[in-house]
Amino acid sequence: MKSESEAKLNVASEAGFGTRNPFGVMDVPDPNDEEVTRFAGGASLEGSADDENAKNWSAADNSGQHGTIEGNWSCRWNGGADPTIPGDAAHKWKQGRGQARITEERIYLLFDWNSGARQGLIDARREGPQRLVGKYINLSNPEITRPWIGRIVSEQRIDGRWTEGRLDFRR
């Protein structure tokens, strides 16, 4: 059964004036395109105990978020330098907050960094119980889109990889 907000979203999308994603922000263009397929075919995440994302670095409040990956998360990414952050470099982690929502077969992860000044959205499909495959859009600079894969390790941890580095979520 769809929630009331999901039903409204579907009506808006079908009428041509809404978005696919449940956040009402700009949609990720072509989240299943050939670039995504190629990247997903060669990239992997093991979800191991010694992964960079295994140690809890999160500040998110995860109270009341049991049995689901939906809800609030902390996020962080590396592999690229954000020119709006003085002194930033590709190896440095950019940290922020995130939120996950599920609509039918898609998982959407809306996140921010630089104290909320910048935002991104991931639109991903499930490939089995743990693997996520999709694409990221930089909502602050929509010309930037990149393939992304994720692995749901637990309700507290989603390991993620994009073409240049990591984009992880933790509770």
N, C-alpha and C. Protein backbone atom coordinates (compact mmCIF):
# COMPACT_ATOMS: atom_id res chain seq x y z
N MET A 1 0.84 -1.19 0.00
CA MET A 1 0.00 0.00 0.00
C MET A 1 0.88 1.24 0.00
N LYS A 2 0.56 2.18 -0.85
CA LYS A 2 1.34 3.42 -0.95
C LYS A 2 0.89 4.41 0.12
N SER A 3 1.85 5.19 0.61
CA SER A 3 1.50 6.24 1.54
C SER A 3 0.80 7.36 0.77
N GLU A 4 0.17 8.26 1.49
CA GLU A 4 -0.51 9.39 0.85
C GLU A 4 0.47 10.25 0.06
N SER A 5 1.67 10.48 0.62
CA SER A 5 2.66 11.31 -0.09
C SER A 5 3.14 10.62 -1.36
N GLU A 6 3.31 9.29 -1.33
CA GLU A 6 3.72 8.56 -2.53
C GLU A 6 2.63 8.63 -3.59
N ALA A 7 1.37 8.53 -3.18
CA ALA A 7 0.27 8.61 -4.13
C ALA A 7 0.24 9.98 -4.78
N LYS A 8 0.41 11.04 -4.00
CA LYS A 8 0.44 12.40 -4.55
C LYS A 8 1.62 12.57 -5.50
N LEU A 9 2.76 12.01 -5.15
CA LEU A 9 3.95 12.10 -6.00
C LEU A 9 3.70 11.44 -7.34
N ASN A 10 3.09 10.26 -7.33
CA ASN A 10 2.81 9.55 -8.58
C ASN A 10 1.84 10.33 -9.45
N VAL A 11 0.81 10.93 -8.87
CA VAL A 11 -0.15 11.73 -9.63
C VAL A 11 0.57 12.93 -10.25
N ALA A 12 1.43 13.59 -9.48
CA ALA A 12 2.16 14.75 -9.99
C ALA A 12 3.08 14.35 -11.12
N SER A 13 3.78 13.23 -10.98
CA SER A 13 4.70 12.77 -12.02
C SER A 13 3.94 12.42 -13.29
N GLU A 14 2.82 11.73 -13.15
CA GLU A 14 2.04 11.34 -14.32
C GLU A 14 1.47 12.55 -15.03
N ALA A 15 1.17 13.61 -14.31
CA ALA A 15 0.62 14.82 -14.91
C ALA A 15 1.70 15.67 -15.56
N GLY A 16 2.96 15.32 -15.35
CA GLY A 16 4.05 16.03 -16.00
C GLY A 16 4.58 17.24 -15.25
N PHE A 17 4.16 17.43 -14.00
CA PHE A 17 4.67 18.58 -13.26
C PHE A 17 5.25 18.19 -11.91
N GLY A 18 5.63 16.96 -11.77
CA GLY A 18 6.22 16.51 -10.52
C GLY A 18 7.57 15.88 -10.75
N THR A 19 8.05 15.19 -9.75
CA THR A 19 9.32 14.48 -9.83
C THR A 19 9.11 13.01 -9.51
N ARG A 20 10.05 12.20 -9.94
CA ARG A 20 10.02 10.77 -9.57
C ARG A 20 10.39 10.60 -8.11
N ASN A 21 11.31 11.42 -7.64
CA ASN A 21 11.83 11.23 -6.28
C ASN A 21 10.86 11.79 -5.24
N PRO A 22 10.87 11.21 -4.04
CA PRO A 22 9.94 11.62 -3.00
C PRO A 22 10.32 12.90 -2.27
N PHE A 23 11.45 13.51 -2.64
CA PHE A 23 11.89 14.73 -1.97
C PHE A 23 11.44 15.99 -2.69
N GLY A 24 10.94 15.85 -3.92
CA GLY A 24 10.49 17.02 -4.68
C GLY A 24 11.61 17.88 -5.23
N VAL A 25 12.82 17.34 -5.28
CA VAL A 25 13.95 18.07 -5.86
C VAL A 25 14.15 17.58 -7.30
N MET A 26 15.08 18.18 -8.00
CA MET A 26 15.38 17.78 -9.37
C MET A 26 15.70 16.29 -9.43
N ASP A 27 15.15 15.60 -10.43
CA ASP A 27 15.41 14.18 -10.60
C ASP A 27 16.80 13.92 -11.17
N VAL A 28 17.34 12.77 -10.85
CA VAL A 28 18.57 12.29 -11.47
C VAL A 28 18.23 11.91 -12.91
N PRO A 29 18.93 12.44 -13.90
CA PRO A 29 18.63 12.07 -15.28
C PRO A 29 19.13 10.67 -15.61
N ASP A 30 18.31 9.87 -16.24
CA ASP A 30 18.68 8.53 -16.72
C ASP A 30 19.46 7.72 -15.69
N PRO A 31 18.86 7.39 -14.55
CA PRO A 31 19.59 6.68 -13.49
C PRO A 31 19.98 5.24 -13.83
N ASN A 32 19.52 4.74 -14.97
CA ASN A 32 19.87 3.37 -15.40
C ASN A 32 20.61 3.36 -16.72
N ASP A 33 21.28 4.45 -17.07
CA ASP A 33 21.89 4.55 -18.40
C ASP A 33 23.11 3.63 -18.56
N GLU A 34 23.67 3.63 -19.76
CA GLU A 34 24.80 2.75 -20.10
C GLU A 34 26.03 3.04 -19.24
N GLU A 35 26.28 4.29 -18.91
CA GLU A 35 27.43 4.64 -18.06
C GLU A 35 27.29 3.99 -16.68
N VAL A 36 26.08 3.99 -16.14
CA VAL A 36 25.80 3.35 -14.85
C VAL A 36 26.03 1.84 -14.96
N THR A 37 25.53 1.24 -16.04
CA THR A 37 25.67 -0.21 -16.24
C THR A 37 27.14 -0.61 -16.34
N ARG A 38 27.93 0.16 -17.09
CA ARG A 38 29.37 -0.13 -17.22
C ARG A 38 30.08 -0.02 -15.88
N PHE A 39 29.81 1.07 -15.16
CA PHE A 39 30.46 1.26 -13.86
C PHE A 39 30.09 0.14 -12.89
N ALA A 40 28.80 -0.18 -12.82
CA ALA A 40 28.33 -1.22 -11.89
C ALA A 40 28.92 -2.58 -12.24
N GLY A 41 29.18 -2.82 -13.53
CA GLY A 41 29.74 -4.09 -13.95
C GLY A 41 31.17 -4.30 -13.49
N GLY A 42 31.89 -3.21 -13.24
CA GLY A 42 33.29 -3.33 -12.84
C GLY A 42 33.60 -2.91 -11.42
N ALA A 43 32.62 -2.38 -10.71
CA ALA A 43 32.85 -1.89 -9.35
C ALA A 43 32.19 -2.82 -8.34
N SER A 44 32.81 -2.94 -7.18
CA SER A 44 32.22 -3.77 -6.14
C SER A 44 32.51 -3.20 -4.77
N LEU A 45 31.72 -3.62 -3.82
CA LEU A 45 31.89 -3.29 -2.40
C LEU A 45 31.64 -4.57 -1.63
N GLU A 46 32.54 -4.90 -0.73
CA GLU A 46 32.43 -6.17 0.00
C GLU A 46 31.67 -6.05 1.31
N GLY A 47 31.61 -4.85 1.89
CA GLY A 47 30.94 -4.70 3.16
C GLY A 47 31.70 -5.33 4.31
N SER A 48 33.02 -5.38 4.20
CA SER A 48 33.85 -6.08 5.19
C SER A 48 34.01 -5.26 6.47
N ALA A 49 34.46 -5.95 7.51
CA ALA A 49 34.66 -5.31 8.81
C ALA A 49 35.82 -4.33 8.80
N ASP A 50 36.72 -4.42 7.82
CA ASP A 50 37.84 -3.48 7.75
C ASP A 50 37.64 -2.40 6.68
N ASP A 51 36.42 -2.29 6.14
CA ASP A 51 36.09 -1.25 5.17
C ASP A 51 36.20 0.13 5.83
N GLU A 52 36.50 1.14 5.03
CA GLU A 52 36.60 2.52 5.54
C GLU A 52 35.33 2.98 6.25
N ASN A 53 34.19 2.41 5.87
CA ASN A 53 32.91 2.81 6.44
C ASN A 53 32.49 1.93 7.61
N ALA A 54 33.30 0.95 7.99
CA ALA A 54 32.91 0.02 9.06
C ALA A 54 32.90 0.68 10.44
N LYS A 55 33.88 1.52 10.70
CA LYS A 55 33.93 2.21 11.99
C LYS A 55 32.86 3.30 12.01
N ASN A 56 32.11 3.37 13.10
CA ASN A 56 31.03 4.35 13.19
C ASN A 56 31.58 5.75 13.37
N TRP A 57 31.39 6.59 12.37
CA TRP A 57 31.81 7.99 12.40
C TRP A 57 30.59 8.92 12.43
N SER A 58 29.39 8.35 12.48
CA SER A 58 28.13 9.09 12.32
C SER A 58 27.73 9.88 13.55
N ALA A 59 27.05 10.99 13.28
CA ALA A 59 26.43 11.78 14.34
C ALA A 59 24.92 11.78 14.21
N ALA A 60 24.37 10.96 13.28
CA ALA A 60 22.92 10.95 13.03
C ALA A 60 22.16 10.37 14.20
N ASP A 61 20.97 10.91 14.42
CA ASP A 61 20.06 10.37 15.43
C ASP A 61 19.29 9.23 14.77
N ASN A 62 19.54 8.01 15.22
CA ASN A 62 18.88 6.87 14.62
C ASN A 62 17.80 6.27 15.51
N SER A 63 17.36 7.02 16.49
CA SER A 63 16.32 6.52 17.38
C SER A 63 15.02 6.32 16.59
N GLY A 64 14.37 5.21 16.81
CA GLY A 64 13.11 4.93 16.14
C GLY A 64 13.25 4.50 14.69
N GLN A 65 14.45 4.16 14.26
CA GLN A 65 14.67 3.77 12.86
C GLN A 65 15.17 2.33 12.80
N HIS A 66 14.36 1.43 13.30
CA HIS A 66 14.74 0.02 13.31
C HIS A 66 13.94 -0.73 12.25
N GLY A 67 14.57 -1.70 11.61
CA GLY A 67 13.89 -2.52 10.63
C GLY A 67 13.77 -1.91 9.25
N THR A 68 14.45 -0.79 9.01
CA THR A 68 14.37 -0.12 7.71
C THR A 68 15.64 0.69 7.46
N ILE A 69 15.90 0.94 6.19
CA ILE A 69 16.99 1.87 5.87
C ILE A 69 16.44 3.28 5.65
N GLU A 70 15.12 3.42 5.64
CA GLU A 70 14.53 4.75 5.49
C GLU A 70 14.82 5.57 6.74
N GLY A 71 14.93 6.87 6.54
CA GLY A 71 15.14 7.77 7.66
C GLY A 71 16.43 8.55 7.55
N ASN A 72 16.88 9.05 8.68
CA ASN A 72 18.03 9.95 8.74
C ASN A 72 19.35 9.20 8.78
N TRP A 73 20.34 9.79 8.14
CA TRP A 73 21.69 9.24 8.06
C TRP A 73 22.71 10.37 8.17
N SER A 74 23.93 10.00 8.44
CA SER A 74 25.08 10.88 8.19
C SER A 74 25.68 10.39 6.89
N CYS A 75 26.30 11.30 6.16
CA CYS A 75 26.93 10.90 4.90
C CYS A 75 28.31 11.55 4.81
N ARG A 76 29.13 10.96 3.94
CA ARG A 76 30.43 11.56 3.66
C ARG A 76 30.91 11.04 2.31
N TRP A 77 31.71 11.86 1.65
CA TRP A 77 32.25 11.46 0.36
C TRP A 77 33.66 11.99 0.19
N ASN A 78 34.40 11.32 -0.68
CA ASN A 78 35.74 11.78 -1.05
C ASN A 78 35.98 11.42 -2.51
N GLY A 79 37.15 11.77 -3.02
CA GLY A 79 37.50 11.44 -4.39
C GLY A 79 37.44 12.63 -5.33
N GLY A 80 36.89 13.71 -4.88
CA GLY A 80 36.82 14.93 -5.69
C GLY A 80 36.96 16.13 -4.78
N ALA A 81 37.47 17.20 -5.32
CA ALA A 81 37.60 18.44 -4.56
C ALA A 81 36.41 19.35 -4.87
N ASP A 82 35.78 19.89 -3.85
CA ASP A 82 34.68 20.83 -4.03
C ASP A 82 35.27 22.24 -4.07
N PRO A 83 35.19 22.92 -5.21
CA PRO A 83 35.83 24.23 -5.34
C PRO A 83 35.21 25.31 -4.46
N THR A 84 34.04 25.04 -3.87
CA THR A 84 33.41 26.04 -3.00
C THR A 84 33.91 25.94 -1.56
N ILE A 85 34.73 24.92 -1.27
CA ILE A 85 35.26 24.73 0.08
C ILE A 85 36.74 25.10 0.07
N PRO A 86 37.12 26.18 0.74
CA PRO A 86 38.54 26.58 0.75
C PRO A 86 39.44 25.47 1.28
N GLY A 87 40.50 25.17 0.55
CA GLY A 87 41.48 24.18 0.97
C GLY A 87 41.06 22.74 0.77
N ASP A 88 39.94 22.51 0.10
CA ASP A 88 39.49 21.13 -0.09
C ASP A 88 40.39 20.41 -1.09
N ALA A 89 40.45 19.10 -0.92
CA ALA A 89 41.24 18.24 -1.83
C ALA A 89 40.49 16.92 -1.99
N ALA A 90 40.82 16.19 -3.04
CA ALA A 90 40.12 14.94 -3.35
C ALA A 90 40.19 13.92 -2.22
N HIS A 91 41.31 13.86 -1.49
CA HIS A 91 41.45 12.86 -0.44
C HIS A 91 40.69 13.21 0.84
N LYS A 92 40.23 14.45 0.97
CA LYS A 92 39.54 14.87 2.19
C LYS A 92 38.07 14.45 2.14
N TRP A 93 37.56 14.02 3.31
CA TRP A 93 36.15 13.66 3.42
C TRP A 93 35.31 14.91 3.56
N LYS A 94 34.21 14.97 2.82
CA LYS A 94 33.20 16.00 2.97
C LYS A 94 32.03 15.33 3.67
N GLN A 95 31.64 15.86 4.82
CA GLN A 95 30.65 15.19 5.66
C GLN A 95 29.37 16.02 5.75
N GLY A 96 28.23 15.33 5.92
CA GLY A 96 26.95 16.03 6.05
C GLY A 96 25.87 15.10 6.56
N ARG A 97 24.64 15.48 6.24
CA ARG A 97 23.47 14.71 6.66
C ARG A 97 22.79 14.12 5.44
N GLY A 98 22.04 13.04 5.66
CA GLY A 98 21.31 12.43 4.57
C GLY A 98 19.97 11.90 5.03
N GLN A 99 19.15 11.57 4.03
CA GLN A 99 17.86 10.96 4.32
C GLN A 99 17.58 9.96 3.21
N ALA A 100 17.08 8.79 3.60
CA ALA A 100 16.75 7.73 2.64
C ALA A 100 15.24 7.52 2.61
N ARG A 101 14.74 7.34 1.39
CA ARG A 101 13.33 6.98 1.20
C ARG A 101 13.23 5.94 0.10
N ILE A 102 12.25 5.07 0.24
CA ILE A 102 12.03 4.01 -0.73
C ILE A 102 10.67 4.23 -1.39
N THR A 103 10.65 4.17 -2.72
CA THR A 103 9.38 4.22 -3.46
C THR A 103 9.42 3.07 -4.46
N GLU A 104 8.52 2.14 -4.26
CA GLU A 104 8.46 0.94 -5.10
C GLU A 104 9.83 0.29 -5.18
N GLU A 105 10.43 0.19 -6.37
CA GLU A 105 11.72 -0.51 -6.49
C GLU A 105 12.92 0.42 -6.40
N ARG A 106 12.72 1.71 -6.17
CA ARG A 106 13.81 2.68 -6.14
C ARG A 106 14.13 3.11 -4.70
N ILE A 107 15.42 3.39 -4.48
CA ILE A 107 15.88 3.95 -3.21
C ILE A 107 16.48 5.31 -3.53
N TYR A 108 16.03 6.32 -2.80
CA TYR A 108 16.51 7.68 -2.99
C TYR A 108 17.25 8.12 -1.75
N LEU A 109 18.44 8.68 -1.95
CA LEU A 109 19.26 9.19 -0.86
C LEU A 109 19.54 10.67 -1.14
N LEU A 110 18.93 11.53 -0.35
CA LEU A 110 19.16 12.97 -0.44
C LEU A 110 20.17 13.32 0.63
N PHE A 111 21.21 14.05 0.28
CA PHE A 111 22.25 14.35 1.25
C PHE A 111 22.84 15.74 1.01
N ASP A 112 23.52 16.24 2.04
CA ASP A 112 24.17 17.54 1.92
C ASP A 112 25.59 17.45 2.46
N TRP A 113 26.36 18.51 2.25
CA TRP A 113 27.70 18.65 2.79
C TRP A 113 28.03 20.12 2.86
N ASN A 114 29.19 20.44 3.41
CA ASN A 114 29.61 21.84 3.58
C ASN A 114 28.57 22.59 4.42
N SER A 115 28.22 22.01 5.56
CA SER A 115 27.25 22.58 6.51
C SER A 115 25.90 22.85 5.86
N GLY A 116 25.50 22.01 4.93
CA GLY A 116 24.21 22.14 4.27
C GLY A 116 24.19 23.05 3.06
N ALA A 117 25.33 23.65 2.73
CA ALA A 117 25.39 24.58 1.59
C ALA A 117 25.26 23.88 0.24
N ARG A 118 25.62 22.60 0.18
CA ARG A 118 25.59 21.84 -1.08
C ARG A 118 24.73 20.60 -0.88
N GLN A 119 24.06 20.16 -1.96
CA GLN A 119 23.16 19.00 -1.88
C GLN A 119 23.36 18.07 -3.06
N GLY A 120 23.08 16.79 -2.82
CA GLY A 120 23.10 15.80 -3.88
C GLY A 120 21.96 14.82 -3.70
N LEU A 121 21.66 14.08 -4.76
CA LEU A 121 20.61 13.06 -4.73
C LEU A 121 21.12 11.83 -5.45
N ILE A 122 20.90 10.67 -4.84
CA ILE A 122 21.17 9.38 -5.48
C ILE A 122 19.83 8.72 -5.76
N ASP A 123 19.68 8.23 -6.98
CA ASP A 123 18.51 7.45 -7.39
C ASP A 123 19.05 6.08 -7.77
N ALA A 124 18.69 5.05 -6.99
CA ALA A 124 19.26 3.72 -7.20
C ALA A 124 18.17 2.65 -7.19
N ARG A 125 18.45 1.57 -7.89
CA ARG A 125 17.58 0.39 -7.89
C ARG A 125 18.28 -0.71 -7.10
N ARG A 126 17.50 -1.61 -6.55
CA ARG A 126 18.06 -2.76 -5.85
C ARG A 126 18.41 -3.84 -6.86
N GLU A 127 19.54 -4.45 -6.66
CA GLU A 127 19.93 -5.66 -7.38
C GLU A 127 20.20 -6.71 -6.32
N GLY A 128 19.15 -7.38 -5.88
CA GLY A 128 19.26 -8.31 -4.77
C GLY A 128 19.02 -7.59 -3.46
N PRO A 129 19.22 -8.29 -2.34
CA PRO A 129 18.90 -7.70 -1.04
C PRO A 129 19.88 -6.63 -0.56
N GLN A 130 21.13 -6.62 -1.07
CA GLN A 130 22.13 -5.68 -0.55
C GLN A 130 22.66 -4.68 -1.57
N ARG A 131 22.71 -5.04 -2.83
CA ARG A 131 23.36 -4.20 -3.84
C ARG A 131 22.42 -3.12 -4.38
N LEU A 132 22.95 -1.90 -4.49
CA LEU A 132 22.24 -0.76 -5.06
C LEU A 132 23.03 -0.27 -6.27
N VAL A 133 22.34 0.09 -7.34
CA VAL A 133 22.98 0.59 -8.56
C VAL A 133 22.19 1.79 -9.05
N GLY A 134 22.89 2.90 -9.28
CA GLY A 134 22.19 4.09 -9.75
C GLY A 134 23.14 5.21 -10.11
N LYS A 135 22.64 6.41 -9.93
CA LYS A 135 23.39 7.60 -10.32
C LYS A 135 23.17 8.71 -9.31
N TYR A 136 24.16 9.56 -9.22
CA TYR A 136 24.18 10.72 -8.34
C TYR A 136 24.06 11.99 -9.18
N ILE A 137 23.33 12.99 -8.67
CA ILE A 137 23.34 14.32 -9.26
C ILE A 137 23.70 15.32 -8.16
N ASN A 138 24.58 16.25 -8.51
CA ASN A 138 24.93 17.34 -7.62
C ASN A 138 23.85 18.39 -7.80
N LEU A 139 22.95 18.54 -6.85
CA LEU A 139 21.84 19.47 -6.98
C LEU A 139 22.30 20.92 -6.94
N SER A 140 23.48 21.17 -6.41
CA SER A 140 24.03 22.52 -6.39
C SER A 140 24.69 22.88 -7.72
N ASN A 141 25.04 21.87 -8.50
CA ASN A 141 25.61 22.05 -9.83
C ASN A 141 25.15 20.87 -10.69
N PRO A 142 23.90 20.92 -11.21
CA PRO A 142 23.28 19.76 -11.86
C PRO A 142 24.00 19.24 -13.10
N GLU A 143 24.98 19.94 -13.59
CA GLU A 143 25.76 19.41 -14.71
C GLU A 143 26.61 18.22 -14.27
N ILE A 144 26.80 18.08 -12.96
CA ILE A 144 27.62 16.99 -12.43
C ILE A 144 26.73 15.81 -12.07
N THR A 145 26.86 14.73 -12.81
CA THR A 145 26.19 13.46 -12.51
C THR A 145 27.24 12.37 -12.62
N ARG A 146 27.14 11.36 -11.78
CA ARG A 146 28.10 10.25 -11.80
C ARG A 146 27.40 8.95 -11.42
N PRO A 147 27.83 7.83 -12.00
CA PRO A 147 27.33 6.52 -11.56
C PRO A 147 27.72 6.27 -10.10
N TRP A 148 26.90 5.49 -9.41
CA TRP A 148 27.13 5.16 -8.00
C TRP A 148 26.63 3.75 -7.74
N ILE A 149 27.36 3.01 -6.93
CA ILE A 149 26.88 1.72 -6.43
C ILE A 149 26.91 1.76 -4.92
N GLY A 150 26.05 0.99 -4.31
CA GLY A 150 26.02 0.91 -2.86
C GLY A 150 25.81 -0.53 -2.41
N ARG A 151 26.15 -0.75 -1.16
CA ARG A 151 25.92 -2.05 -0.53
C ARG A 151 25.29 -1.79 0.83
N ILE A 152 24.08 -2.31 1.03
CA ILE A 152 23.42 -2.20 2.32
C ILE A 152 24.03 -3.26 3.22
N VAL A 153 24.90 -2.84 4.11
CA VAL A 153 25.56 -3.76 5.03
C VAL A 153 24.63 -4.05 6.20
N SER A 154 23.93 -3.02 6.65
CA SER A 154 22.98 -3.16 7.76
C SER A 154 22.08 -1.94 7.75
N GLU A 155 21.15 -1.89 8.71
CA GLU A 155 20.29 -0.71 8.86
C GLU A 155 21.08 0.49 9.35
N GLN A 156 22.33 0.27 9.72
CA GLN A 156 23.18 1.33 10.24
C GLN A 156 24.29 1.74 9.27
N ARG A 157 24.41 1.04 8.14
CA ARG A 157 25.57 1.26 7.27
C ARG A 157 25.26 0.94 5.81
N ILE A 158 25.50 1.93 4.95
CA ILE A 158 25.46 1.73 3.50
C ILE A 158 26.81 2.19 2.95
N ASP A 159 27.57 1.24 2.42
CA ASP A 159 28.84 1.56 1.78
C ASP A 159 28.53 2.01 0.36
N GLY A 160 29.22 3.04 -0.11
CA GLY A 160 28.97 3.54 -1.46
C GLY A 160 30.24 3.88 -2.19
N ARG A 161 30.17 3.76 -3.52
CA ARG A 161 31.30 4.09 -4.38
C ARG A 161 30.79 4.82 -5.61
N TRP A 162 31.49 5.89 -5.98
CA TRP A 162 31.23 6.57 -7.24
C TRP A 162 32.50 6.49 -8.08
N THR A 163 32.51 7.05 -9.24
CA THR A 163 33.61 6.84 -10.19
C THR A 163 34.96 7.33 -9.69
N GLU A 164 35.00 8.27 -8.76
CA GLU A 164 36.27 8.84 -8.30
C GLU A 164 36.60 8.52 -6.84
N GLY A 165 35.67 7.92 -6.11
CA GLY A 165 35.94 7.67 -4.69
C GLY A 165 34.76 7.04 -3.98
N ARG A 166 34.58 7.43 -2.74
CA ARG A 166 33.54 6.86 -1.89
C ARG A 166 32.44 7.88 -1.65
N LEU A 167 31.22 7.36 -1.39
CA LEU A 167 30.08 8.18 -0.95
C LEU A 167 29.28 7.24 -0.06
N ASP A 168 29.50 7.35 1.26
CA ASP A 168 29.01 6.40 2.26
C ASP A 168 27.94 7.03 3.15
N PHE A 169 27.16 6.15 3.78
CA PHE A 169 26.12 6.57 4.72
C PHE A 169 26.24 5.73 5.99
N ARG A 170 26.03 6.38 7.16
CA ARG A 170 26.16 5.73 8.45
C ARG A 170 25.13 6.29 9.41
N ARG A 171 24.76 5.45 10.37
CA ARG A 171 23.91 5.88 11.50
C ARG A 171 24.63 5.53 12.77
